């Protein structure tokens, strides 16, 4: 079985796509939170958004590292 070579050329774009998608999900959840009267739904969505915010922080660090590595030629 052959292993695929580590191709990191599109990592920055892939991570940015994930960041954009996560931000969109946060916005959609906030919209639902503002429109619903169900406290369980509000609580669940608020907890999801907290996890999403934490994930965003990690993705932003990762994209920064990948951009630096790209500039340095992935050595």
Protein backbone atom coordinates (compact mmCIF):
# COMPACT_ATOMS: atom_id res chain seq x y z
CA UNK A 1 0.00 0.00 0.00
CA UNK A 2 1.43 3.37 -1.05
CA UNK A 3 1.04 6.41 1.15
CA UNK A 4 -0.06 9.66 -0.42
CA UNK A 5 2.58 12.35 -0.24
CA UNK A 6 1.92 15.22 2.17
CA UNK A 7 0.50 17.90 -0.15
CA UNK A 8 -0.11 21.02 1.90
CA UNK A 9 -0.39 23.51 -0.96
CA UNK A 10 -4.14 24.06 -0.47
CA UNK A 11 -4.21 23.98 3.34
CA UNK A 12 -4.59 27.76 3.72
CA UNK A 13 -7.56 27.83 1.36
CA UNK A 14 -9.14 24.75 2.94
CA UNK A 15 -8.81 26.20 6.44
CA UNK A 16 -10.20 29.55 5.25
CA UNK A 17 -13.19 27.73 3.75
CA UNK A 18 -13.78 26.03 7.11
CA UNK A 19 -13.49 29.36 8.94
CA UNK A 20 -16.02 30.97 6.58
CA UNK A 21 -18.39 28.02 6.96
CA UNK A 22 -18.12 28.10 10.76
CA UNK A 23 -18.82 31.84 10.87
CA UNK A 24 -21.89 31.29 8.66
CA UNK A 25 -23.13 28.60 11.07
CA UNK A 26 -22.61 30.92 14.04
CA UNK A 27 -24.62 33.64 12.32
CA UNK A 28 -27.43 31.24 11.41
CA UNK A 29 -27.58 29.91 14.96
CA UNK A 30 -27.70 33.47 16.35
CA UNK A 31 -30.60 34.22 14.03
CA UNK A 32 -32.50 31.15 15.27
CA UNK A 33 -31.70 32.03 18.90
CA UNK A 34 -33.21 35.48 18.40
CA UNK A 35 -36.40 34.05 16.86
CA UNK A 36 -37.14 31.08 19.11
CA UNK A 37 -38.90 31.04 22.44
CA UNK A 38 -37.73 27.51 23.28
CA UNK A 39 -35.15 27.76 26.08
CA UNK A 40 -33.72 24.30 25.32
CA UNK A 41 -33.09 25.25 21.70
CA UNK A 42 -31.50 28.53 22.74
CA UNK A 43 -29.23 26.81 25.24
CA UNK A 44 -28.19 24.10 22.78
CA UNK A 45 -27.38 26.63 20.06
CA UNK A 46 -25.49 28.88 22.49
CA UNK A 47 -23.37 25.91 23.56
CA UNK A 48 -22.70 24.98 19.93
CA UNK A 49 -21.68 28.54 19.17
CA UNK A 50 -19.27 28.53 22.11
CA UNK A 51 -17.63 25.39 20.70
CA UNK A 52 -17.58 26.98 17.25
CA UNK A 53 -15.86 30.09 18.63
CA UNK A 54 -13.21 27.89 20.26
CA UNK A 55 -12.74 26.03 16.97
CA UNK A 56 -12.38 29.35 15.15
CA UNK A 57 -9.54 30.35 17.45
CA UNK A 58 -7.72 27.08 16.70
CA UNK A 59 -8.35 27.39 12.94
CA UNK A 60 -7.02 30.96 12.91
CA UNK A 61 -3.83 29.80 14.62
CA UNK A 62 -3.53 26.92 12.18
CA UNK A 63 -4.05 29.11 9.11
CA UNK A 64 -1.40 31.51 10.37
CA UNK A 65 1.07 28.64 10.81
CA UNK A 66 0.24 27.23 7.38
CA UNK A 67 0.68 30.64 5.72
CA UNK A 68 4.09 31.02 7.35
CA UNK A 69 5.09 27.52 6.27
CA UNK A 70 3.92 28.27 2.72
CA UNK A 71 6.04 31.41 2.59
CA UNK A 72 9.03 29.43 3.82
CA UNK A 73 8.51 26.72 1.22
CA UNK A 74 7.18 23.98 3.55
CA UNK A 75 10.63 22.94 4.66
